[in-house]
Amino acid sequence: MYHIIKRILDCILAIIILVIFAIPMLIIAIAIKIEDGGPIIYKSKRIGKKLKKFNVYKFRSMKIEREELKSNLSHEQMVTKVGKFIRKTSLDELPQLFNILKGEMSFIGPRPWIPEYYEWFTDEQKKRADVLPGISGLAQVKGRNGINIFRKIDYDLIYVHNISFKFDLKIILETIKTVFSKADAEISEVGIKQEINELKIQKQNNKVYKEVG
């Protein structure tokens, strides 16, 4: 029953926020376009509920020459001037309100990850996809990228198995406290590769354990 109520509340809140932030979102869109003339929205393929793929939306914060420059520039240097501001204030996440209205995301839930992660998940770890992914979640308020991949998944599973209005409200309040904190807010491409490698090692070890057992 709560899943239905949660969906209704998500849509109502998403519409309210879109109305309130309509002008700021327009200003951000214009600023991004003026800075380098590139696309306003960045789309990335992610895994959603029941392992379905979808495009998550964000305001673009990286330079359009990213692929050409990334071998010469650090992750920080690839972020645009506008991008630094919207990342610091989490305003780059606002387009995900449309993901919510489309039924692809919720305000609270496990963060949507790229498909490569799921290739190395155990069956239990894949249960993090039993609910809609969220803009924020338990793992985000418990340490963001300052905790290892397995701790993140553990927190996500705790949420999946205990989802409730009270739990969502608690995470929302914790999110408000941390939204302007830059600590461990982002993960680099190198960090993502390291996490995927750790999952790969886990799966290989599990395979060896089963064969020996």
N, C-alpha and C. Protein backbone atom coordinates (compact mmCIF):
# COMPACT_ATOMS: atom_id res chain seq x y z
N MET A 1 0.82 -1.21 0.00
CA MET A 1 0.00 0.00 0.00
C MET A 1 0.86 1.27 0.00
N TYR A 2 1.96 1.26 0.80
CA TYR A 2 2.78 2.46 0.87
C TYR A 2 3.40 2.81 -0.48
N HIS A 3 3.69 1.79 -1.30
CA HIS A 3 4.29 2.05 -2.61
C HIS A 3 3.37 2.95 -3.46
N ILE A 4 2.06 2.74 -3.32
CA ILE A 4 1.09 3.56 -4.06
C ILE A 4 1.08 4.98 -3.51
N ILE A 5 1.02 5.08 -2.18
CA ILE A 5 1.02 6.40 -1.53
C ILE A 5 2.32 7.14 -1.86
N LYS A 6 3.44 6.42 -1.82
CA LYS A 6 4.75 7.01 -2.10
C LYS A 6 4.79 7.59 -3.51
N ARG A 7 4.22 6.85 -4.46
CA ARG A 7 4.19 7.30 -5.86
C ARG A 7 3.37 8.58 -6.00
N ILE A 8 2.24 8.64 -5.33
CA ILE A 8 1.38 9.82 -5.38
C ILE A 8 2.09 11.03 -4.77
N LEU A 9 2.72 10.82 -3.61
CA LEU A 9 3.44 11.89 -2.94
C LEU A 9 4.62 12.38 -3.78
N ASP A 10 5.31 11.44 -4.45
CA ASP A 10 6.42 11.79 -5.33
C ASP A 10 5.97 12.75 -6.43
N CYS A 11 4.86 12.40 -7.06
CA CYS A 11 4.36 13.21 -8.19
C CYS A 11 3.92 14.60 -7.72
N ILE A 12 3.21 14.65 -6.60
CA ILE A 12 2.75 15.93 -6.07
C ILE A 12 3.93 16.83 -5.72
N LEU A 13 4.90 16.26 -5.01
CA LEU A 13 6.06 17.04 -4.59
C LEU A 13 6.91 17.46 -5.78
N ALA A 14 7.04 16.59 -6.78
CA ALA A 14 7.83 16.91 -7.98
C ALA A 14 7.22 18.09 -8.73
N ILE A 15 5.89 18.10 -8.85
CA ILE A 15 5.20 19.19 -9.53
C ILE A 15 5.37 20.51 -8.77
N ILE A 16 5.25 20.44 -7.45
CA ILE A 16 5.40 21.64 -6.62
C ILE A 16 6.80 22.24 -6.78
N ILE A 17 7.82 21.37 -6.71
CA ILE A 17 9.21 21.83 -6.83
C ILE A 17 9.48 22.38 -8.23
N LEU A 18 8.92 21.75 -9.26
CA LEU A 18 9.11 22.23 -10.62
C LEU A 18 8.52 23.63 -10.79
N VAL A 19 7.38 23.87 -10.17
CA VAL A 19 6.75 25.19 -10.24
C VAL A 19 7.61 26.22 -9.52
N ILE A 20 8.10 25.87 -8.32
CA ILE A 20 8.91 26.78 -7.52
C ILE A 20 10.25 27.10 -8.20
N PHE A 21 10.83 26.07 -8.81
CA PHE A 21 12.17 26.23 -9.39
C PHE A 21 12.15 26.44 -10.91
N ALA A 22 10.99 26.72 -11.47
CA ALA A 22 10.88 26.90 -12.92
C ALA A 22 11.83 27.99 -13.43
N ILE A 23 11.80 29.14 -12.78
CA ILE A 23 12.66 30.26 -13.21
C ILE A 23 14.14 29.95 -12.96
N PRO A 24 14.53 29.46 -11.76
CA PRO A 24 15.94 29.09 -11.56
C PRO A 24 16.41 28.05 -12.58
N MET A 25 15.57 27.09 -12.92
CA MET A 25 15.96 26.07 -13.89
C MET A 25 16.16 26.68 -15.27
N LEU A 26 15.33 27.65 -15.60
CA LEU A 26 15.46 28.35 -16.88
C LEU A 26 16.77 29.13 -16.92
N ILE A 27 17.10 29.80 -15.82
CA ILE A 27 18.34 30.56 -15.72
C ILE A 27 19.55 29.64 -15.86
N ILE A 28 19.50 28.48 -15.19
CA ILE A 28 20.59 27.51 -15.26
C ILE A 28 20.76 27.02 -16.70
N ALA A 29 19.64 26.73 -17.35
CA ALA A 29 19.68 26.23 -18.73
C ALA A 29 20.33 27.27 -19.66
N ILE A 30 19.95 28.53 -19.49
CA ILE A 30 20.51 29.61 -20.32
C ILE A 30 22.00 29.76 -20.05
N ALA A 31 22.38 29.70 -18.76
CA ALA A 31 23.78 29.86 -18.38
C ALA A 31 24.65 28.75 -18.98
N ILE A 32 24.15 27.53 -18.95
CA ILE A 32 24.89 26.40 -19.53
C ILE A 32 25.08 26.60 -21.03
N LYS A 33 24.01 27.04 -21.69
CA LYS A 33 24.06 27.24 -23.14
C LYS A 33 25.01 28.37 -23.51
N ILE A 34 24.98 29.45 -22.74
CA ILE A 34 25.84 30.61 -23.02
C ILE A 34 27.31 30.27 -22.81
N GLU A 35 27.62 29.46 -21.80
CA GLU A 35 29.01 29.19 -21.47
C GLU A 35 29.78 28.52 -22.60
N ASP A 36 29.20 27.48 -23.21
CA ASP A 36 29.96 26.81 -24.28
C ASP A 36 29.11 26.34 -25.45
N GLY A 37 27.82 26.67 -25.41
CA GLY A 37 26.95 26.33 -26.54
C GLY A 37 26.56 24.87 -26.65
N GLY A 38 26.96 24.07 -25.68
CA GLY A 38 26.68 22.63 -25.72
C GLY A 38 25.28 22.30 -25.22
N PRO A 39 24.95 21.01 -25.19
CA PRO A 39 23.63 20.58 -24.71
C PRO A 39 23.39 20.95 -23.26
N ILE A 40 22.16 21.21 -22.92
CA ILE A 40 21.80 21.62 -21.56
C ILE A 40 21.67 20.41 -20.63
N ILE A 41 21.07 19.37 -21.16
CA ILE A 41 20.80 18.18 -20.36
C ILE A 41 21.80 17.07 -20.66
N TYR A 42 22.28 16.43 -19.59
CA TYR A 42 23.16 15.28 -19.73
C TYR A 42 22.33 14.04 -19.43
N LYS A 43 22.35 13.07 -20.32
CA LYS A 43 21.60 11.83 -20.13
C LYS A 43 22.57 10.66 -19.98
N SER A 44 22.29 9.82 -19.01
CA SER A 44 23.16 8.67 -18.75
C SER A 44 22.31 7.43 -18.51
N LYS A 45 22.68 6.32 -19.16
CA LYS A 45 21.93 5.08 -19.02
C LYS A 45 22.16 4.48 -17.63
N ARG A 46 21.06 4.20 -16.93
CA ARG A 46 21.13 3.63 -15.59
C ARG A 46 20.16 2.45 -15.47
N ILE A 47 20.31 1.73 -14.34
CA ILE A 47 19.43 0.61 -14.05
C ILE A 47 18.37 1.06 -13.05
N GLY A 48 17.10 0.80 -13.37
CA GLY A 48 16.00 1.20 -12.50
C GLY A 48 15.33 0.01 -11.85
N LYS A 49 14.09 0.21 -11.46
CA LYS A 49 13.33 -0.83 -10.78
C LYS A 49 13.18 -2.06 -11.68
N LYS A 50 13.31 -3.24 -11.07
CA LYS A 50 13.22 -4.51 -11.78
C LYS A 50 14.27 -4.63 -12.89
N LEU A 51 15.41 -3.95 -12.67
CA LEU A 51 16.56 -4.01 -13.58
C LEU A 51 16.29 -3.43 -14.97
N LYS A 52 15.27 -2.58 -15.07
CA LYS A 52 14.98 -1.94 -16.36
C LYS A 52 15.91 -0.75 -16.57
N LYS A 53 16.41 -0.59 -17.79
CA LYS A 53 17.30 0.53 -18.11
C LYS A 53 16.49 1.78 -18.42
N PHE A 54 17.03 2.93 -18.05
CA PHE A 54 16.41 4.21 -18.37
C PHE A 54 17.48 5.28 -18.40
N ASN A 55 17.14 6.43 -18.95
CA ASN A 55 18.07 7.56 -19.00
C ASN A 55 17.80 8.49 -17.82
N VAL A 56 18.82 8.69 -16.99
CA VAL A 56 18.68 9.64 -15.89
C VAL A 56 19.10 11.01 -16.41
N TYR A 57 18.36 12.06 -16.01
CA TYR A 57 18.62 13.41 -16.49
C TYR A 57 19.33 14.26 -15.44
N LYS A 58 20.28 15.06 -15.92
CA LYS A 58 20.95 16.05 -15.08
C LYS A 58 21.27 17.26 -15.93
N PHE A 59 21.42 18.42 -15.28
CA PHE A 59 21.96 19.56 -16.01
C PHE A 59 23.43 19.23 -16.30
N ARG A 60 23.85 19.47 -17.53
CA ARG A 60 25.23 19.16 -17.90
C ARG A 60 26.19 20.06 -17.12
N SER A 61 27.21 19.42 -16.53
CA SER A 61 28.19 20.18 -15.76
C SER A 61 29.61 19.97 -16.27
N MET A 62 29.78 19.08 -17.26
CA MET A 62 31.10 18.79 -17.80
C MET A 62 31.29 19.48 -19.15
N LYS A 63 32.54 19.74 -19.50
CA LYS A 63 32.85 20.36 -20.78
C LYS A 63 32.46 19.43 -21.93
N ILE A 64 31.99 20.00 -23.05
CA ILE A 64 31.52 19.19 -24.16
C ILE A 64 32.64 18.43 -24.85
N GLU A 65 33.87 18.88 -24.68
CA GLU A 65 35.02 18.20 -25.27
C GLU A 65 35.56 17.14 -24.32
N ARG A 66 34.69 16.62 -23.45
CA ARG A 66 35.11 15.74 -22.38
C ARG A 66 35.97 14.57 -22.85
N GLU A 67 35.53 13.86 -23.88
CA GLU A 67 36.27 12.68 -24.33
C GLU A 67 37.66 13.03 -24.85
N GLU A 68 37.77 14.18 -25.48
CA GLU A 68 39.05 14.61 -26.04
C GLU A 68 39.98 15.13 -24.95
N LEU A 69 39.39 15.72 -23.91
CA LEU A 69 40.20 16.36 -22.89
C LEU A 69 40.53 15.49 -21.69
N LYS A 70 39.75 14.45 -21.46
CA LYS A 70 39.89 13.73 -20.20
C LYS A 70 41.25 13.06 -20.01
N SER A 71 41.98 12.83 -21.09
CA SER A 71 43.29 12.23 -20.95
C SER A 71 44.33 13.25 -20.49
N ASN A 72 44.01 14.54 -20.64
CA ASN A 72 44.95 15.60 -20.28
C ASN A 72 44.53 16.40 -19.05
N LEU A 73 43.23 16.37 -18.72
CA LEU A 73 42.73 17.16 -17.61
C LEU A 73 42.24 16.28 -16.47
N SER A 74 42.28 16.83 -15.25
CA SER A 74 41.75 16.11 -14.09
C SER A 74 40.23 16.20 -14.13
N HIS A 75 39.57 15.40 -13.30
CA HIS A 75 38.12 15.41 -13.23
C HIS A 75 37.60 16.81 -12.90
N GLU A 76 38.28 17.47 -11.98
CA GLU A 76 37.88 18.81 -11.55
C GLU A 76 38.02 19.82 -12.69
N GLN A 77 39.04 19.69 -13.49
CA GLN A 77 39.27 20.62 -14.60
C GLN A 77 38.27 20.44 -15.73
N MET A 78 37.62 19.29 -15.79
CA MET A 78 36.64 19.04 -16.84
C MET A 78 35.26 19.62 -16.52
N VAL A 79 35.10 20.10 -15.28
CA VAL A 79 33.83 20.69 -14.88
C VAL A 79 33.78 22.15 -15.31
N THR A 80 32.66 22.58 -15.88
CA THR A 80 32.50 23.97 -16.33
C THR A 80 32.31 24.89 -15.12
N LYS A 81 32.38 26.20 -15.36
CA LYS A 81 32.17 27.17 -14.29
C LYS A 81 30.74 27.05 -13.74
N VAL A 82 29.78 26.97 -14.64
CA VAL A 82 28.39 26.79 -14.21
C VAL A 82 28.25 25.45 -13.50
N GLY A 83 28.93 24.44 -14.04
CA GLY A 83 28.87 23.11 -13.47
C GLY A 83 29.33 23.05 -12.02
N LYS A 84 30.37 23.80 -11.69
CA LYS A 84 30.88 23.81 -10.32
C LYS A 84 29.82 24.33 -9.36
N PHE A 85 29.09 25.36 -9.78
CA PHE A 85 28.06 25.93 -8.92
C PHE A 85 26.88 24.99 -8.75
N ILE A 86 26.39 24.43 -9.85
CA ILE A 86 25.19 23.58 -9.74
C ILE A 86 25.50 22.25 -9.05
N ARG A 87 26.75 21.80 -9.14
CA ARG A 87 27.13 20.59 -8.41
C ARG A 87 27.22 20.86 -6.92
N LYS A 88 27.82 22.00 -6.58
CA LYS A 88 27.99 22.36 -5.17
C LYS A 88 26.64 22.51 -4.48
N THR A 89 25.66 23.03 -5.20
CA THR A 89 24.33 23.26 -4.63
C THR A 89 23.35 22.14 -4.93
N SER A 90 23.81 21.11 -5.65
CA SER A 90 22.97 19.96 -6.05
C SER A 90 21.86 20.34 -7.03
N LEU A 91 21.95 21.53 -7.62
CA LEU A 91 20.93 21.97 -8.58
C LEU A 91 21.02 21.17 -9.88
N ASP A 92 22.15 20.51 -10.11
CA ASP A 92 22.27 19.71 -11.33
C ASP A 92 21.32 18.52 -11.32
N GLU A 93 20.80 18.18 -10.13
CA GLU A 93 19.90 17.03 -10.00
C GLU A 93 18.45 17.38 -10.34
N LEU A 94 18.11 18.67 -10.47
CA LEU A 94 16.72 19.08 -10.67
C LEU A 94 16.01 18.40 -11.86
N PRO A 95 16.68 18.18 -12.99
CA PRO A 95 15.98 17.50 -14.10
C PRO A 95 15.49 16.10 -13.77
N GLN A 96 16.00 15.52 -12.69
CA GLN A 96 15.53 14.20 -12.29
C GLN A 96 14.09 14.23 -11.80
N LEU A 97 13.56 15.43 -11.59
CA LEU A 97 12.15 15.56 -11.26
C LEU A 97 11.29 15.01 -12.41
N PHE A 98 11.79 15.13 -13.63
CA PHE A 98 11.07 14.58 -14.78
C PHE A 98 11.17 13.05 -14.79
N ASN A 99 12.28 12.51 -14.30
CA ASN A 99 12.39 11.06 -14.13
C ASN A 99 11.35 10.56 -13.14
N ILE A 100 11.11 11.37 -12.11
CA ILE A 100 10.12 11.01 -11.10
C ILE A 100 8.72 11.01 -11.71
N LEU A 101 8.39 12.06 -12.45
CA LEU A 101 7.07 12.15 -13.07
C LEU A 101 6.84 11.03 -14.09
N LYS A 102 7.91 10.56 -14.72
CA LYS A 102 7.81 9.47 -15.69
C LYS A 102 7.71 8.11 -15.01
N GLY A 103 7.84 8.09 -13.70
CA GLY A 103 7.75 6.83 -12.97
C GLY A 103 9.03 6.02 -12.97
N GLU A 104 10.15 6.67 -13.31
CA GLU A 104 11.44 5.97 -13.37
C GLU A 104 12.24 6.10 -12.08
N MET A 105 11.92 7.14 -11.30
CA MET A 105 12.64 7.39 -10.05
C MET A 105 11.69 7.85 -8.96
N SER A 106 12.22 7.91 -7.75
CA SER A 106 11.50 8.42 -6.59
C SER A 106 12.41 9.44 -5.92
N PHE A 107 11.88 10.17 -4.96
CA PHE A 107 12.75 11.10 -4.24
C PHE A 107 13.73 10.33 -3.36
N ILE A 108 13.25 9.24 -2.76
CA ILE A 108 14.09 8.44 -1.88
C ILE A 108 14.17 7.00 -2.38
N GLY A 109 15.40 6.50 -2.43
CA GLY A 109 15.63 5.14 -2.88
C GLY A 109 17.11 4.96 -3.19
N PRO A 110 17.55 3.75 -3.50
CA PRO A 110 18.96 3.54 -3.88
C PRO A 110 19.30 4.37 -5.11
N ARG A 111 20.47 4.96 -5.13
CA ARG A 111 20.85 5.76 -6.30
C ARG A 111 20.93 4.88 -7.54
N PRO A 112 20.49 5.40 -8.70
CA PRO A 112 20.56 4.61 -9.93
C PRO A 112 22.00 4.50 -10.42
N TRP A 113 22.47 3.28 -10.60
CA TRP A 113 23.85 3.06 -11.03
C TRP A 113 23.91 2.60 -12.47
N ILE A 114 25.08 2.74 -13.07
CA ILE A 114 25.27 2.33 -14.45
C ILE A 114 25.19 0.81 -14.56
N PRO A 115 24.80 0.27 -15.73
CA PRO A 115 24.60 -1.17 -15.91
C PRO A 115 25.81 -2.03 -15.55
N GLU A 116 27.01 -1.49 -15.70
CA GLU A 116 28.22 -2.28 -15.46
C GLU A 116 28.28 -2.83 -14.03
N TYR A 117 27.71 -2.10 -13.07
CA TYR A 117 27.72 -2.59 -11.70
C TYR A 117 26.96 -3.91 -11.58
N TYR A 118 25.81 -3.97 -12.23
CA TYR A 118 24.91 -5.11 -12.05
C TYR A 118 25.44 -6.40 -12.68
N GLU A 119 26.40 -6.28 -13.56
CA GLU A 119 27.00 -7.47 -14.16
C GLU A 119 27.71 -8.32 -13.11
N TRP A 120 28.09 -7.69 -11.99
CA TRP A 120 28.89 -8.39 -10.99
C TRP A 120 28.18 -8.52 -9.65
N PHE A 121 26.91 -8.16 -9.59
CA PHE A 121 26.13 -8.27 -8.36
C PHE A 121 25.75 -9.73 -8.08
N THR A 122 25.63 -10.05 -6.80
CA THR A 122 25.04 -11.32 -6.40
C THR A 122 23.53 -11.17 -6.51
N ASP A 123 22.80 -12.26 -6.41
CA ASP A 123 21.33 -12.18 -6.47
C ASP A 123 20.78 -11.31 -5.35
N GLU A 124 21.39 -11.39 -4.18
CA GLU A 124 20.94 -10.58 -3.05
C GLU A 124 21.19 -9.10 -3.31
N GLN A 125 22.34 -8.77 -3.86
CA GLN A 125 22.68 -7.38 -4.15
C GLN A 125 21.77 -6.78 -5.21
N LYS A 126 21.29 -7.61 -6.12
CA LYS A 126 20.40 -7.12 -7.17
C LYS A 126 19.04 -6.69 -6.62
N LYS A 127 18.75 -7.06 -5.37
CA LYS A 127 17.48 -6.68 -4.76
C LYS A 127 17.39 -5.18 -4.50
N ARG A 128 18.52 -4.47 -4.62
CA ARG A 128 18.47 -3.01 -4.49
C ARG A 128 17.63 -2.42 -5.61
N ALA A 129 17.37 -3.23 -6.66
CA ALA A 129 16.53 -2.79 -7.78
C ALA A 129 15.08 -3.23 -7.61
N ASP A 130 14.72 -3.67 -6.42
CA ASP A 130 13.32 -4.06 -6.17
C ASP A 130 12.42 -2.85 -5.97
N VAL A 131 13.03 -1.68 -5.76
CA VAL A 131 12.27 -0.43 -5.60
C VAL A 131 12.79 0.60 -6.59
N LEU A 132 12.04 1.67 -6.76
CA LEU A 132 12.51 2.74 -7.65
C LEU A 132 13.78 3.37 -7.11
N PRO A 133 14.73 3.68 -7.98
CA PRO A 133 15.93 4.38 -7.52
C PRO A 133 15.55 5.80 -7.10
N GLY A 134 16.39 6.41 -6.26
CA GLY A 134 16.04 7.73 -5.74
C GLY A 134 17.07 8.81 -6.01
N ILE A 135 16.62 10.05 -5.86
CA ILE A 135 17.54 11.19 -5.96
C ILE A 135 18.48 11.17 -4.75
N SER A 136 17.93 10.76 -3.61
CA SER A 136 18.75 10.56 -2.41
C SER A 136 18.36 9.23 -1.79
N GLY A 137 19.22 8.74 -0.90
CA GLY A 137 18.94 7.46 -0.28
C GLY A 137 19.70 7.28 1.01
N LEU A 138 19.52 6.14 1.64
CA LEU A 138 20.17 5.88 2.93
C LEU A 138 21.69 5.91 2.81
N ALA A 139 22.22 5.34 1.74
CA ALA A 139 23.68 5.32 1.55
C ALA A 139 24.24 6.73 1.41
N GLN A 140 23.44 7.63 0.80
CA GLN A 140 23.91 9.01 0.59
C GLN A 140 24.02 9.76 1.92
N VAL A 141 23.07 9.54 2.83
CA VAL A 141 23.12 10.26 4.10
C VAL A 141 24.03 9.59 5.11
N LYS A 142 24.48 8.37 4.78
CA LYS A 142 25.37 7.64 5.68
C LYS A 142 26.84 7.76 5.29
N GLY A 143 27.13 8.51 4.23
CA GLY A 143 28.52 8.68 3.89
C GLY A 143 28.82 8.91 2.43
N ARG A 144 27.78 8.87 1.57
CA ARG A 144 27.99 9.10 0.13
C ARG A 144 29.11 8.21 -0.39
N ASN A 145 30.09 8.82 -1.06
CA ASN A 145 31.19 8.05 -1.63
C ASN A 145 32.36 7.90 -0.66
N GLY A 146 32.12 8.26 0.59
CA GLY A 146 33.15 8.08 1.60
C GLY A 146 33.14 6.68 2.18
N ILE A 147 32.15 5.87 1.79
CA ILE A 147 32.07 4.48 2.26
C ILE A 147 32.29 3.56 1.07
N ASN A 148 32.72 2.34 1.32
CA ASN A 148 33.04 1.44 0.21
C ASN A 148 31.77 0.90 -0.46
N ILE A 149 31.95 0.30 -1.62
CA ILE A 149 30.84 -0.16 -2.43
C ILE A 149 29.94 -1.16 -1.70
N PHE A 150 30.54 -2.03 -0.89
CA PHE A 150 29.74 -3.05 -0.20
C PHE A 150 28.90 -2.44 0.92
N ARG A 151 29.44 -1.41 1.57
CA ARG A 151 28.66 -0.71 2.60
C ARG A 151 27.50 0.04 1.95
N LYS A 152 27.74 0.64 0.79
CA LYS A 152 26.67 1.32 0.07
C LYS A 152 25.53 0.36 -0.24
N ILE A 153 25.89 -0.80 -0.76
CA ILE A 153 24.87 -1.79 -1.12
C ILE A 153 24.13 -2.28 0.11
N ASP A 154 24.85 -2.48 1.22
CA ASP A 154 24.21 -2.91 2.47
C ASP A 154 23.16 -1.90 2.92
N TYR A 155 23.52 -0.62 2.85
CA TYR A 155 22.56 0.43 3.24
C TYR A 155 21.35 0.42 2.30
N ASP A 156 21.60 0.23 1.02
CA ASP A 156 20.50 0.18 0.05
C ASP A 156 19.56 -0.97 0.35
N LEU A 157 20.11 -2.12 0.71
CA LEU A 157 19.29 -3.29 1.01
C LEU A 157 18.51 -3.10 2.31
N ILE A 158 19.12 -2.42 3.28
CA ILE A 158 18.40 -2.10 4.52
C ILE A 158 17.17 -1.28 4.19
N TYR A 159 17.34 -0.31 3.27
CA TYR A 159 16.20 0.53 2.87
C TYR A 159 15.14 -0.31 2.17
N VAL A 160 15.55 -1.14 1.22
CA VAL A 160 14.60 -1.96 0.45
C VAL A 160 13.76 -2.83 1.37
N HIS A 161 14.39 -3.39 2.39
CA HIS A 161 13.70 -4.32 3.29
C HIS A 161 12.90 -3.60 4.39
N ASN A 162 13.08 -2.31 4.51
CA ASN A 162 12.39 -1.57 5.59
C ASN A 162 11.69 -0.31 5.09
N ILE A 163 11.36 -0.25 3.82
CA ILE A 163 10.76 0.94 3.23
C ILE A 163 9.46 1.32 3.93
N SER A 164 9.34 2.59 4.28
CA SER A 164 8.15 3.09 4.96
C SER A 164 8.13 4.61 4.88
N PHE A 165 7.00 5.21 5.17
CA PHE A 165 6.89 6.67 5.15
C PHE A 165 7.81 7.29 6.19
N LYS A 166 7.85 6.68 7.38
CA LYS A 166 8.70 7.20 8.46
C LYS A 166 10.17 7.15 8.06
N PHE A 167 10.58 6.05 7.41
CA PHE A 167 11.97 5.89 6.98
C PHE A 167 12.30 6.93 5.91
N ASP A 168 11.39 7.13 4.95
CA ASP A 168 11.60 8.12 3.89
C ASP A 168 11.74 9.52 4.47
N LEU A 169 10.87 9.85 5.42
CA LEU A 169 10.90 11.18 6.04
C LEU A 169 12.22 11.41 6.77
N LYS A 170 12.72 10.38 7.44
CA LYS A 170 13.99 10.49 8.15
C LYS A 170 15.13 10.76 7.17
N ILE A 171 15.12 10.06 6.03
CA ILE A 171 16.18 10.24 5.04
C ILE A 171 16.09 11.62 4.40
N ILE A 172 14.88 12.11 4.17
CA ILE A 172 14.69 13.45 3.60
C ILE A 172 15.30 14.50 4.53
N LEU A 173 15.03 14.38 5.83
CA LEU A 173 15.56 15.34 6.80
C LEU A 173 17.08 15.27 6.85
N GLU A 174 17.63 14.06 6.78
CA GLU A 174 19.08 13.89 6.78
C GLU A 174 19.69 14.45 5.50
N THR A 175 18.96 14.30 4.38
CA THR A 175 19.44 14.81 3.09
C THR A 175 19.55 16.33 3.11
N ILE A 176 18.56 16.98 3.72
CA ILE A 176 18.57 18.44 3.82
C ILE A 176 19.81 18.92 4.58
N LYS A 177 20.22 18.15 5.58
CA LYS A 177 21.41 18.51 6.37
C LYS A 177 22.69 18.39 5.56
N THR A 178 22.72 17.44 4.61
CA THR A 178 23.96 17.16 3.89
C THR A 178 24.02 17.72 2.48
N VAL A 179 22.92 18.30 1.98
CA VAL A 179 22.85 18.69 0.58
C VAL A 179 23.93 19.68 0.16
N PHE A 180 24.34 20.56 1.08
CA PHE A 180 25.35 21.56 0.73
C PHE A 180 26.76 21.12 1.13
N SER A 181 26.88 19.90 1.61
CA SER A 181 28.20 19.39 1.98
C SER A 181 28.90 18.83 0.75
N LYS A 182 30.14 19.25 0.52
CA LYS A 182 30.90 18.78 -0.64
C LYS A 182 31.63 17.47 -0.34
N ALA A 183 31.68 17.09 0.93
CA ALA A 183 32.45 15.92 1.33
C ALA A 183 31.94 14.65 0.66
N ASP A 184 32.80 14.00 -0.12
CA ASP A 184 32.49 12.72 -0.77
C ASP A 184 31.23 12.77 -1.62
N ALA A 185 30.91 13.96 -2.17
CA ALA A 185 29.69 14.11 -2.95
C ALA A 185 29.79 13.49 -4.33
N GLU A 186 31.02 13.40 -4.86
CA GLU A 186 31.19 12.90 -6.22
C GLU A 186 32.15 11.72 -6.25
N ILE A 187 32.02 10.94 -7.30
CA ILE A 187 32.94 9.84 -7.51
C ILE A 187 33.49 9.95 -8.93
N SER A 188 34.79 9.82 -9.07
CA SER A 188 35.41 9.96 -10.38
C SER A 188 35.25 8.69 -11.20
N GLU A 189 35.61 8.76 -12.47
CA GLU A 189 35.56 7.59 -13.33
C GLU A 189 36.51 6.51 -12.82
N VAL A 190 37.63 6.94 -12.27
CA VAL A 190 38.59 5.98 -11.70
C VAL A 190 37.95 5.28 -10.50
N GLY A 191 37.24 6.06 -9.68
CA GLY A 191 36.56 5.49 -8.51
C GLY A 191 35.51 4.47 -8.91
N ILE A 192 34.77 4.77 -9.97
CA ILE A 192 33.75 3.85 -10.46
C ILE A 192 34.39 2.55 -10.93
N LYS A 193 35.49 2.67 -11.66
CA LYS A 193 36.19 1.47 -12.15
C LYS A 193 36.71 0.63 -10.99
N GLN A 194 37.18 1.29 -9.94
CA GLN A 194 37.68 0.58 -8.78
C GLN A 194 36.55 -0.18 -8.08
N GLU A 195 35.38 0.45 -7.97
CA GLU A 195 34.24 -0.20 -7.33
C GLU A 195 33.79 -1.42 -8.14
N ILE A 196 33.73 -1.27 -9.46
CA ILE A 196 33.33 -2.37 -10.33
C ILE A 196 34.33 -3.52 -10.21
N ASN A 197 35.61 -3.18 -10.11
CA ASN A 197 36.65 -4.20 -9.98
C ASN A 197 36.49 -4.95 -8.65
N GLU A 198 36.12 -4.24 -7.59
CA GLU A 198 35.91 -4.87 -6.29
C GLU A 198 34.74 -5.84 -6.35
N LEU A 199 33.69 -5.46 -7.09
CA LEU A 199 32.53 -6.34 -7.26
C LEU A 199 32.92 -7.57 -8.09
N LYS A 200 33.76 -7.35 -9.08
CA LYS A 200 34.22 -8.44 -9.94
C LYS A 200 35.01 -9.46 -9.12
N ILE A 201 35.91 -8.96 -8.25
CA ILE A 201 36.70 -9.84 -7.39
C ILE A 201 35.79 -10.63 -6.46
N GLN A 202 34.75 -9.94 -5.93
CA GLN A 202 33.80 -10.60 -5.05
C GLN A 202 33.12 -11.77 -5.76
N LYS A 203 32.68 -11.55 -7.00
CA LYS A 203 31.98 -12.59 -7.75
C LYS A 203 32.92 -13.76 -8.07
N GLN A 204 34.16 -13.44 -8.39
CA GLN A 204 35.14 -14.49 -8.69
C GLN A 204 35.44 -15.32 -7.45
N ASN A 205 35.55 -14.65 -6.30
CA ASN A 205 35.80 -15.36 -5.05
C ASN A 205 34.62 -16.26 -4.67
N ASN A 206 33.41 -15.76 -4.91
CA ASN A 206 32.21 -16.56 -4.62
C ASN A 206 32.16 -17.80 -5.49
N LYS A 207 32.58 -17.64 -6.74
CA LYS A 207 32.59 -18.77 -7.68
C LYS A 207 33.58 -19.83 -7.23
N VAL A 208 34.77 -19.40 -6.82
CA VAL A 208 35.80 -20.33 -6.33
C VAL A 208 35.31 -21.04 -5.09
N TYR A 209 34.65 -20.28 -4.18
CA TYR A 209 34.15 -20.86 -2.92
C TYR A 209 33.12 -21.94 -3.20
N LYS A 210 32.22 -21.70 -4.15
CA LYS A 210 31.22 -22.70 -4.49
C LYS A 210 31.82 -23.94 -5.11
N GLU A 211 32.84 -23.74 -5.96
CA GLU A 211 33.49 -24.88 -6.60
C GLU A 211 34.24 -25.73 -5.58
N VAL A 212 34.90 -25.07 -4.63
CA VAL A 212 35.65 -25.79 -3.59
C VAL A 212 34.69 -26.50 -2.63
N GLY A 213 33.60 -25.74 -2.32
CA GLY A 213 32.61 -26.31 -1.40
C GLY A 213 31.87 -27.48 -2.00
